[in-house]
Structures are given as structure tokens and as C-alpha cells.
């Protein structure tokens, strides 16, 4: 299968591209920089230059492919609305190129935004509440699923806040940096809030399976661990840095963690039972706490590294 991939040189994408190539697919990756193009070429993929706001490039990549895996997302935190608007236009461009073809479109989304404490399943959808930071991306996921009515084999892979592994510069890396800066590894309140997690190798395999097998209009959960207590995350970060793990009052979370405070305080849990049954996906990578103890989150990166 000829597969067009966005975000192929990113943290998750750099695992998805080899996964696809290893399964015999031909990959063309969208590259917005020379560095991204070089990384894709080194991995064995072809390159199409452009970015998520170059809708002509997106339509071209989709039209010339047998399927699309859309991983790229402009992480303009905390301006999430702008990020989601760019993503919405990208999804629409893919839909226009694939409409009527029966070809697959797989996009990445998230499991955040459900009722706190609820175990979110693939059948659940977050409320599209006006003003919710999660509503715009959830709306993009719904728009993707709606493409099934236009003969696009669309599916959405919801990922947890923590997709972990060596090279991760996401939320866990941010928490490590905040702990270094503050001299303590914090958790909000009593630390009972939970974050689901998945290793990036397992997430990559799920994207391949979705591309190959997922029925049209399918929601999948790339969740290996239903919920890791944030206190346990903080304790592991603290132990690896030689720092104490300390509680942070909920009203002080934003001051301590910045924009990440609200998300870190959320009790987010998610199940992947239906995904495993549907596609035979079985996570095999290390769990989050095991991965933290491997030490790569605590090794100083070269200046300018990511």
C-alpha cells in the first residue's frame, strides 16, 4: 500500500514510518523542513515538501496514495483553538481527496475531555461543550468519522496524554523539567488522579493495524495502561532525580506547573478492550513507570536537541 504520512519525523511518526515500511508498505512523508526531509529519507520514506497549512500539498499526498495516516498536529499550547483549526482544515483536505474511494484515513486524537474518573471506552464521546479546550479536536475526530458516509474508510486512534519512550519531549519530559526547576517532583492534591499511557512502539503498531484493517467509522484507543496515578509518576521522577515528591494544592497547580497544571490534575482513565478485540492489538512495550526507570528521561540532551 502507498501510504501518505503527516508527522512522520516526529516522536510517534518516527516509529510509525518504520512500522509501515517493515510491513511492506511504501511511505511518503510530509516534510516542512530540511531536517524532517532528511529524517524521512534516512528511514526509507519518500518526501513531499509542505506543512499542515499547505492544503494543496495535503490533497496531492492523499490523492497519490492508497491511504493516509495523519499524525501531525501544531502544538501551539496553550492556544489550542488555533491548533485545532489548522487540523480541521487538514482533515477536510484529506476528505476531499479521498471521498468516494474507499481508501483509509487514520488520524490521531486524544482520550482527554471525558467525565473525570470515568473509564472512557471507544463508544464514548466527549461533550462538545463550548469553551472546552478539548472540544475542537473532538469535533475534528467526529468530522473524520463522518467521512465514512462518503466512502472513506476513516478511523480515529485516540492516544493518552502520555505516549512515552526514548526521545519523548512531551508531557512527561515537561514534568521532569518542572521538577528540576522547582527542586521537587509535584503532583496535584493527593495524587490520585490517573493518566493512561502507551509506549510509542505499541502506538505505532496500532496505527498500522488501523490502516490495514479498521472498518469505516471506527474509534480505537491506543491505551496500554488504563490509568497510572500521578503521585506514582511524581515519585518515580523524584526518585530518578534525587528529589522529593510533594503535593501541590489544586488552586496552586497552574502556578506550579504552568498551563500543564489543569491537565495534570485531571483524573483521566481509558480502556482499550474493544480495540484489542477488534484488531488483535496487544501492547508489549514497557509500562510508564518501568520506562521512567530506564533513565532516558533524565539524561541531559545536547543543546538545541528535542
Protein backbone atom coordinates (compact mmCIF):
# COMPACT_ATOMS: atom_id res chain seq x y z
CA UNK A 1 0.00 0.00 0.00
CA UNK A 2 1.26 3.53 -0.81
CA UNK A 3 0.80 5.47 2.43
CA UNK A 4 0.96 9.23 2.90
CA UNK A 5 2.02 10.15 6.44
CA UNK A 6 1.99 13.53 8.16
CA UNK A 7 4.16 13.97 11.23
CA UNK A 8 6.39 11.13 10.07
CA UNK A 9 9.55 12.63 11.53
CA UNK A 10 8.00 13.36 14.91
CA UNK A 11 8.23 11.30 18.08
CA UNK A 12 5.34 8.96 17.24
CA UNK A 13 5.72 9.23 13.48
CA UNK A 14 9.36 8.16 13.59
CA UNK A 15 8.09 4.85 15.00
CA UNK A 16 5.08 4.62 12.65
CA UNK A 17 7.13 5.04 9.46
CA UNK A 18 9.46 2.06 10.15
CA UNK A 19 6.44 0.03 11.28
CA UNK A 20 4.75 0.65 7.93
CA UNK A 21 7.89 0.05 5.91
CA UNK A 22 8.58 -3.15 7.81
CA UNK A 23 5.14 -4.42 6.88
CA UNK A 24 5.89 -3.88 3.18
CA UNK A 25 4.14 -0.56 2.63
CA UNK A 26 5.61 2.31 0.62
CA UNK A 27 5.66 5.56 2.61
CA UNK A 28 5.70 9.20 1.54
CA UNK A 29 6.06 11.65 4.39
CA UNK A 30 5.13 15.33 4.57
CA UNK A 31 8.21 17.42 5.46
CA UNK A 32 8.14 21.11 6.37
CA UNK A 33 11.91 21.41 6.90
CA UNK A 34 15.19 20.07 5.57
CA UNK A 35 15.72 18.24 8.87
CA UNK A 36 12.35 16.48 8.57
CA UNK A 37 13.05 15.56 4.95
CA UNK A 38 16.45 14.12 5.88
CA UNK A 39 14.95 12.08 8.72
CA UNK A 40 12.26 10.63 6.44
CA UNK A 41 14.77 9.80 3.72
CA UNK A 42 17.08 8.14 6.22
CA UNK A 43 14.17 6.00 7.42
CA UNK A 44 13.50 4.82 3.85
CA UNK A 45 10.49 7.00 3.04
CA UNK A 46 9.85 9.32 0.12
CA UNK A 47 9.31 13.03 0.81
CA UNK A 48 6.64 15.56 -0.12
CA UNK A 49 7.56 19.09 0.98
CA UNK A 50 4.88 21.15 2.70
CA UNK A 51 3.19 21.71 6.03
CA UNK A 52 -0.29 21.35 7.52
CA UNK A 53 -1.36 24.73 6.19
CA UNK A 54 -0.38 23.81 2.62
CA UNK A 55 -3.71 22.27 1.68
CA UNK A 56 -2.68 21.68 -1.93
CA UNK A 57 0.22 19.53 -0.72
CA UNK A 58 -2.10 17.59 1.60
CA UNK A 59 -4.59 16.91 -1.18
CA UNK A 60 -1.78 15.88 -3.54
CA UNK A 61 -0.28 13.48 -0.99
CA UNK A 62 -3.67 11.91 -0.29
CA UNK A 63 -4.69 11.69 -3.95
CA UNK A 64 -1.49 9.87 -4.88
CA UNK A 65 -1.73 7.39 -2.01
CA UNK A 66 -3.68 4.25 -1.16
CA UNK A 67 -4.23 5.56 2.35
CA UNK A 68 -3.34 8.37 4.78
CA UNK A 69 -2.05 8.34 8.35
CA UNK A 70 -2.41 11.83 9.82
CA UNK A 71 -0.22 12.29 12.91
CA UNK A 72 0.97 15.89 12.63
CA UNK A 73 -0.54 18.50 14.95
CA UNK A 74 0.58 22.07 15.52
CA UNK A 75 1.12 22.10 19.28
CA UNK A 76 0.55 25.80 19.85
CA UNK A 77 -0.16 25.34 23.57
CA UNK A 78 -1.96 26.96 25.23
CA UNK A 79 -3.62 28.30 22.06
CA UNK A 80 -5.35 25.01 21.39
CA UNK A 81 -8.12 26.55 19.30
CA UNK A 82 -5.66 27.68 16.64
CA UNK A 83 -4.05 24.22 16.59
CA UNK A 84 -7.42 22.54 16.18
CA UNK A 85 -8.50 24.92 13.40
CA UNK A 86 -5.39 24.06 11.37
CA UNK A 87 -6.11 20.38 11.97
CA UNK A 88 -9.75 20.77 10.90
CA UNK A 89 -8.70 22.22 7.54
CA UNK A 90 -6.22 19.39 7.07
CA UNK A 91 -8.88 16.73 7.74
CA UNK A 92 -11.23 18.42 5.27
CA UNK A 93 -8.48 18.43 2.63
CA UNK A 94 -7.87 14.72 3.12
CA UNK A 95 -11.59 14.05 2.95
CA UNK A 96 -11.96 15.89 -0.35
CA UNK A 97 -9.09 13.91 -1.87
CA UNK A 98 -10.27 10.51 -0.63
CA UNK A 99 -14.05 10.90 -1.00
CA UNK A 100 -15.68 8.03 -2.83
CA UNK A 101 -12.51 5.93 -2.97
CA UNK A 102 -12.97 3.55 -0.03
CA UNK A 103 -9.34 4.27 0.91
CA UNK A 104 -8.33 4.57 4.58
CA UNK A 105 -7.75 7.76 6.53
CA UNK A 106 -6.39 7.26 10.06
CA UNK A 107 -5.96 10.27 12.32
CA UNK A 108 -4.53 10.73 15.80
CA UNK A 109 -6.72 12.21 18.53
CA UNK A 110 -6.82 12.08 22.34
CA UNK A 111 -8.65 10.44 25.22
CA UNK A 112 -8.81 13.60 27.38
CA UNK A 113 -12.04 15.53 27.92
CA UNK A 114 -14.30 12.81 29.29
CA UNK A 115 -16.00 12.85 32.69
CA UNK A 116 -13.27 12.78 35.37
CA UNK A 117 -12.96 9.33 36.91
CA UNK A 118 -14.96 7.70 34.13
CA UNK A 119 -13.27 4.87 32.26
CA UNK A 120 -13.66 6.13 28.70
CA UNK A 121 -14.35 3.48 26.08
CA UNK A 122 -14.24 3.58 22.31
CA UNK A 123 -18.03 4.01 22.27
CA UNK A 124 -17.87 7.19 24.38
CA UNK A 125 -17.52 10.70 23.01
CA UNK A 126 -16.56 13.81 24.98
CA UNK A 127 -19.18 16.52 25.17
CA UNK A 128 -18.52 19.24 22.62
CA UNK A 129 -19.05 21.89 25.30
CA UNK A 130 -18.48 25.45 24.17
CA UNK A 131 -15.26 26.71 25.69
CA UNK A 132 -13.86 23.26 26.48
CA UNK A 133 -10.22 23.06 25.34
CA UNK A 134 -10.87 19.51 24.15
CA UNK A 135 -13.99 20.26 22.09
CA UNK A 136 -12.29 21.43 18.87
CA UNK A 137 -10.12 18.34 18.49
CA UNK A 138 -13.05 16.09 19.41
CA UNK A 139 -15.04 17.84 16.67
CA UNK A 140 -12.26 17.07 14.18
CA UNK A 141 -12.42 13.41 15.19
CA UNK A 142 -16.17 13.36 14.59
CA UNK A 143 -15.67 15.01 11.20
CA UNK A 144 -13.19 12.28 10.32
CA UNK A 145 -15.61 9.54 11.33
CA UNK A 146 -18.38 11.22 9.32
CA UNK A 147 -16.26 10.72 6.19
CA UNK A 148 -17.31 7.06 6.37
CA UNK A 149 -20.61 8.25 4.88
CA UNK A 150 -18.65 9.46 1.85
CA UNK A 151 -16.88 6.16 1.13
CA UNK A 152 -13.73 6.93 3.09
CA UNK A 153 -12.53 4.12 5.40
CA UNK A 154 -11.93 6.57 8.23
CA UNK A 155 -10.77 5.74 11.74
CA UNK A 156 -9.59 7.69 14.76
CA UNK A 157 -6.84 6.49 17.11
CA UNK A 158 -7.25 8.20 20.45
CA UNK A 159 -3.96 8.43 22.30
CA UNK A 160 -3.42 9.01 26.02
CA UNK A 161 -1.73 12.14 27.40
CA UNK A 162 1.41 10.06 27.81
CA UNK A 163 2.87 8.32 24.77
CA UNK A 164 6.26 7.50 26.23
CA UNK A 165 9.62 6.17 25.12
CA UNK A 166 13.15 7.33 24.40
CA UNK A 167 13.16 10.69 22.65
CA UNK A 168 9.83 11.82 24.16
CA UNK A 169 9.72 15.58 24.63
CA UNK A 170 6.02 15.70 25.58
CA UNK A 171 4.23 15.96 28.89
CA UNK A 172 6.45 13.60 30.90
CA UNK A 173 9.58 15.41 29.72
CA UNK A 174 7.92 18.70 30.71
CA UNK A 175 7.17 17.34 34.18
CA UNK A 176 10.80 16.27 34.53
CA UNK A 177 11.91 19.77 33.56
CA UNK A 178 9.50 21.39 36.01
CA UNK A 179 10.75 19.09 38.79
CA UNK A 180 14.33 20.12 38.08
CA UNK A 181 13.36 23.79 38.10
CA UNK A 182 11.27 23.56 41.27
CA UNK A 183 13.59 21.24 43.18
CA UNK A 184 10.74 18.78 43.79
CA UNK A 185 8.53 16.45 41.76
CA UNK A 186 4.98 17.65 42.27
CA UNK A 187 1.58 16.03 42.00
CA UNK A 188 -1.78 17.75 42.38
CA UNK A 189 -3.79 17.21 45.55
CA UNK A 190 -3.46 13.66 46.84
CA UNK A 191 -2.05 12.41 43.54
CA UNK A 192 -4.94 10.00 42.98
CA UNK A 193 -5.66 11.44 39.52
CA UNK A 194 -4.65 8.95 36.84
CA UNK A 195 -3.16 9.25 33.39
CA UNK A 196 -3.46 6.44 30.82
CA UNK A 197 -0.27 5.64 28.93
CA UNK A 198 1.17 3.72 25.99
CA UNK A 199 4.67 3.08 24.71
CA UNK A 200 5.28 4.60 21.29
CA UNK A 201 6.17 1.22 19.73
CA UNK A 202 2.72 -0.09 20.66
CA UNK A 203 1.06 3.09 19.37
CA UNK A 204 2.92 2.72 16.07
CA UNK A 205 1.72 -0.85 15.63
CA UNK A 206 -1.87 0.23 16.26
CA UNK A 207 -1.71 2.89 13.55
CA UNK A 208 -0.55 0.25 11.09
CA UNK A 209 -3.33 -2.14 12.09
CA UNK A 210 -5.90 0.67 11.77
CA UNK A 211 -4.66 1.50 8.28
CA UNK A 212 -4.82 -2.13 7.21
CA UNK A 213 -7.93 -3.38 8.97
CA UNK A 214 -10.11 -0.84 10.77
CA UNK A 215 -13.70 -0.68 9.48
CA UNK A 216 -15.00 2.69 8.31
CA UNK A 217 -16.09 4.99 11.12
CA UNK A 218 -14.11 3.21 13.85
CA UNK A 219 -12.78 4.73 17.08
CA UNK A 220 -9.71 2.99 18.52
CA UNK A 221 -7.93 3.51 21.83
CA UNK A 222 -4.14 3.34 21.84
CA UNK A 223 -4.09 2.71 25.58
CA UNK A 224 -1.84 0.13 27.22
CA UNK A 225 -2.33 1.25 30.84
CA UNK A 226 -5.80 2.37 31.88
CA UNK A 227 -4.53 4.91 34.40
CA UNK A 228 -1.22 5.48 36.20
CA UNK A 229 -1.63 7.52 39.44
CA UNK A 230 0.03 10.91 39.10
CA UNK A 231 1.54 10.52 42.55
CA UNK A 232 3.35 7.39 41.31
CA UNK A 233 4.58 9.35 38.28
CA UNK A 234 5.89 12.11 40.53
CA UNK A 235 7.52 9.64 42.91
CA UNK A 236 9.32 7.96 40.01
CA UNK A 237 10.50 11.30 38.62
CA UNK A 238 11.63 12.36 42.08
CA UNK A 239 13.49 9.11 42.76
CA UNK A 240 15.33 9.35 39.45
CA UNK A 241 16.30 12.98 40.05
CA UNK A 242 17.11 12.59 43.74
CA UNK A 243 14.28 15.00 44.62
CA UNK A 244 11.27 14.71 46.95
CA UNK A 245 7.79 14.09 45.59
CA UNK A 246 5.48 16.75 47.02
CA UNK A 247 1.76 17.57 46.86
CA UNK A 248 0.65 20.79 45.18
CA UNK A 249 -2.71 22.24 46.22
CA UNK A 250 -5.21 22.26 43.34
CA UNK A 251 -5.51 26.05 43.50
CA UNK A 252 -1.73 26.30 43.07
CA UNK A 253 -1.44 23.81 40.20
CA UNK A 254 -1.27 26.39 37.42
CA UNK A 255 1.30 28.44 39.30
CA UNK A 256 3.48 25.36 39.85
CA UNK A 257 3.03 23.52 36.52
CA UNK A 258 2.00 26.38 34.21
CA UNK A 259 -0.59 25.53 31.55
CA UNK A 260 0.04 21.82 32.18
CA UNK A 261 -1.43 22.11 35.70
CA UNK A 262 -5.07 21.71 34.71
CA UNK A 263 -4.38 18.65 32.57
CA UNK A 264 -2.15 17.05 35.21
CA UNK A 265 -4.92 17.40 37.79
CA UNK A 266 -7.48 15.57 35.64
CA UNK A 267 -8.42 12.02 36.54
CA UNK A 268 -8.37 10.55 33.03
CA UNK A 269 -8.89 6.83 32.54
CA UNK A 270 -9.45 4.90 29.33
CA UNK A 271 -9.99 1.31 28.23
CA UNK A 272 -8.80 -0.33 25.02
CA UNK A 273 -10.76 -3.58 25.35
CA UNK A 274 -12.73 -3.13 22.13
CA UNK A 275 -9.63 -2.10 20.17
CA UNK A 276 -7.76 -5.22 21.28
CA UNK A 277 -10.69 -7.45 20.37
CA UNK A 278 -11.29 -5.79 17.00
CA UNK A 279 -7.72 -5.67 15.69
CA UNK A 280 -5.87 -8.19 17.84
CA UNK A 281 -3.66 -5.40 19.20
CA UNK A 282 -1.67 -6.42 22.27
CA UNK A 283 0.74 -3.88 23.82
CA UNK A 284 4.16 -5.35 24.56
CA UNK A 285 6.27 -2.28 25.37
CA UNK A 286 7.32 -1.25 28.88
CA UNK A 287 4.83 0.50 31.15
CA UNK A 288 5.27 4.18 32.00
CA UNK A 289 6.92 3.68 35.41
CA UNK A 290 9.21 0.99 34.01
CA UNK A 291 10.13 3.31 31.15
CA UNK A 292 10.91 6.14 33.58
CA UNK A 293 13.25 3.86 35.48
CA UNK A 294 15.23 3.16 32.30
CA UNK A 295 16.72 6.62 32.74
CA UNK A 296 16.45 8.20 29.29
CA UNK A 297 14.11 10.94 30.53
CA UNK A 298 16.85 12.10 32.89
CA UNK A 299 19.83 12.13 30.52
CA UNK A 300 20.71 15.72 29.54
CA UNK A 301 20.06 16.36 25.85
CA UNK A 302 22.55 18.22 23.65
CA UNK A 303 22.00 21.97 23.36
CA UNK A 304 19.25 22.62 20.84
CA UNK A 305 18.07 18.98 20.93
CA UNK A 306 14.46 17.86 21.06
